C-alpha atoms as a PDB file:
ATOM      1  CA  UNK A   1     -28.193  -4.415 -38.487  1.00  0.00           C
ATOM      2  CA  UNK A   2     -28.944  -8.184 -39.632  1.00  0.00           C
ATOM      3  CA  UNK A   3     -30.447  -6.340 -42.489  1.00  0.00           C
ATOM      4  CA  UNK A   4     -28.471  -4.197 -43.636  1.00  0.00           C
ATOM      5  CA  UNK A   5     -25.877  -6.829 -43.433  1.00  0.00           C
ATOM      6  CA  UNK A   6     -27.225  -9.232 -46.085  1.00  0.00           C
ATOM      7  CA  UNK A   7     -27.603  -6.594 -47.672  1.00  0.00           C
ATOM      8  CA  UNK A   8     -23.897  -5.249 -47.762  1.00  0.00           C
ATOM      9  CA  UNK A   9     -22.950  -9.126 -48.998  1.00  0.00           C
ATOM     10  CA  UNK A  10     -25.923  -9.742 -51.562  1.00  0.00           C
ATOM     11  CA  UNK A  11     -24.911  -6.412 -53.382  1.00  0.00           C
ATOM     12  CA  UNK A  12     -21.568  -7.068 -53.220  1.00  0.00           C
ATOM     13  CA  UNK A  13     -21.856 -10.820 -54.533  1.00  0.00           C
ATOM     14  CA  UNK A  14     -24.291  -9.903 -56.435  1.00  0.00           C
ATOM     15  CA  UNK A  15     -26.759 -12.050 -55.472  1.00  0.00           C
ATOM     16  CA  UNK A  16     -29.946 -12.221 -53.198  1.00  0.00           C
ATOM     17  CA  UNK A  17     -30.322 -11.089 -49.454  1.00  0.00           C
ATOM     18  CA  UNK A  18     -32.119 -14.147 -48.834  1.00  0.00           C
ATOM     19  CA  UNK A  19     -29.001 -16.037 -49.275  1.00  0.00           C
ATOM     20  CA  UNK A  20     -27.424 -14.114 -45.979  1.00  0.00           C
ATOM     21  CA  UNK A  21     -30.457 -13.149 -43.990  1.00  0.00           C
ATOM     22  CA  UNK A  22     -30.080 -16.339 -42.691  1.00  0.00           C
ATOM     23  CA  UNK A  23     -26.710 -16.956 -42.656  1.00  0.00           C
ATOM     24  CA  UNK A  24     -24.740 -18.333 -39.845  1.00  0.00           C
ATOM     25  CA  UNK A  25     -21.113 -16.683 -40.452  1.00  0.00           C
ATOM     26  CA  UNK A  26     -23.454 -12.646 -40.740  1.00  0.00           C
ATOM     27  CA  UNK A  27     -25.065 -13.220 -37.870  1.00  0.00           C
ATOM     28  CA  UNK A  28     -22.861 -14.056 -35.673  1.00  0.00           C
ATOM     29  CA  UNK A  29     -21.033 -11.198 -36.969  1.00  0.00           C
ATOM     30  CA  UNK A  30     -24.044  -9.185 -37.141  1.00  0.00           C
ATOM     31  CA  UNK A  31     -23.727 -10.370 -32.929  1.00  0.00           C
ATOM     32  CA  UNK A  32     -20.768  -9.766 -32.679  1.00  0.00           C
ATOM     33  CA  UNK A  33     -21.264  -5.383 -33.873  1.00  0.00           C
ATOM     34  CA  UNK A  34     -24.141  -5.903 -31.364  1.00  0.00           C
ATOM     35  CA  UNK A  35     -22.669  -6.955 -27.724  1.00  0.00           C
ATOM     36  CA  UNK A  36     -19.540  -4.439 -29.428  1.00  0.00           C
ATOM     37  CA  UNK A  37     -21.658  -1.501 -29.641  1.00  0.00           C
ATOM     38  CA  UNK A  38     -23.826  -2.723 -26.033  1.00  0.00           C
ATOM     39  CA  UNK A  39     -20.303  -3.148 -24.059  1.00  0.00           C
ATOM     40  CA  UNK A  40     -19.004  -0.363 -25.258  1.00  0.00           C
ATOM     41  CA  UNK A  41     -21.902   2.118 -24.626  1.00  0.00           C
ATOM     42  CA  UNK A  42     -21.822   0.259 -21.148  1.00  0.00           C
ATOM     43  CA  UNK A  43     -18.608   1.415 -20.382  1.00  0.00           C
ATOM     44  CA  UNK A  44     -18.679   4.775 -21.840  1.00  0.00           C
ATOM     45  CA  UNK A  45     -21.842   5.743 -19.193  1.00  0.00           C
ATOM     46  CA  UNK A  46     -19.719   4.130 -16.616  1.00  0.00           C
ATOM     47  CA  UNK A  47     -17.117   6.333 -17.695  1.00  0.00           C
ATOM     48  CA  UNK A  48     -14.965   3.219 -18.959  1.00  0.00           C
ATOM     49  CA  UNK A  49     -13.752   5.168 -21.878  1.00  0.00           C
ATOM     50  CA  UNK A  50     -10.401   2.750 -22.524  1.00  0.00           C
ATOM     51  CA  UNK A  51     -12.256  -0.267 -22.065  1.00  0.00           C
ATOM     52  CA  UNK A  52     -15.028   0.740 -24.322  1.00  0.00           C
ATOM     53  CA  UNK A  53     -13.013   1.569 -26.864  1.00  0.00           C
ATOM     54  CA  UNK A  54     -11.702  -1.784 -26.837  1.00  0.00           C
ATOM     55  CA  UNK A  55     -14.209  -3.405 -26.387  1.00  0.00           C
ATOM     56  CA  UNK A  56     -15.752  -1.214 -29.896  1.00  0.00           C
ATOM     57  CA  UNK A  57     -12.375  -2.224 -31.905  1.00  0.00           C
ATOM     58  CA  UNK A  58     -12.003  -5.994 -30.990  1.00  0.00           C
ATOM     59  CA  UNK A  59     -15.951  -5.861 -32.253  1.00  0.00           C
ATOM     60  CA  UNK A  60     -15.465  -4.544 -35.043  1.00  0.00           C
ATOM     61  CA  UNK A  61     -12.938  -6.057 -35.564  1.00  0.00           C
ATOM     62  CA  UNK A  62     -13.613  -9.418 -35.489  1.00  0.00           C
ATOM     63  CA  UNK A  63     -17.251  -8.182 -37.372  1.00  0.00           C
ATOM     64  CA  UNK A  64     -15.103  -7.258 -40.166  1.00  0.00           C
ATOM     65  CA  UNK A  65     -12.683  -9.864 -40.987  1.00  0.00           C
ATOM     66  CA  UNK A  66     -15.481 -12.659 -40.444  1.00  0.00           C
ATOM     67  CA  UNK A  67     -16.767 -10.484 -43.192  1.00  0.00           C
ATOM     68  CA  UNK A  68     -13.557  -9.788 -45.205  1.00  0.00           C
ATOM     69  CA  UNK A  69     -13.139 -13.629 -45.319  1.00  0.00           C
ATOM     70  CA  UNK A  70     -17.239 -14.061 -46.716  1.00  0.00           C
ATOM     71  CA  UNK A  71     -16.435 -11.728 -49.807  1.00  0.00           C
ATOM     72  CA  UNK A  72     -13.483 -13.714 -50.797  1.00  0.00           C
ATOM     73  CA  UNK A  73     -13.528 -15.300 -54.227  1.00  0.00           C
ATOM     74  CA  UNK A  74     -13.821 -19.516 -54.429  1.00  0.00           C
END
């Protein structure tokens, strides 16, 4: 996930992937997405589909808000 996010950011920002591989915000939104996926899977396997969906929604929302802020110019 971290490699994918770093690659996406480097493509959009036209910079080296190394810039984002150890970036704290990139690490944070990768962790948010990963934990949301784990939480979703755990809940779905336990039959708690709605809670799993909410966890995934929140995790992906956090990830995309942070990533979107990093893409803003200036």
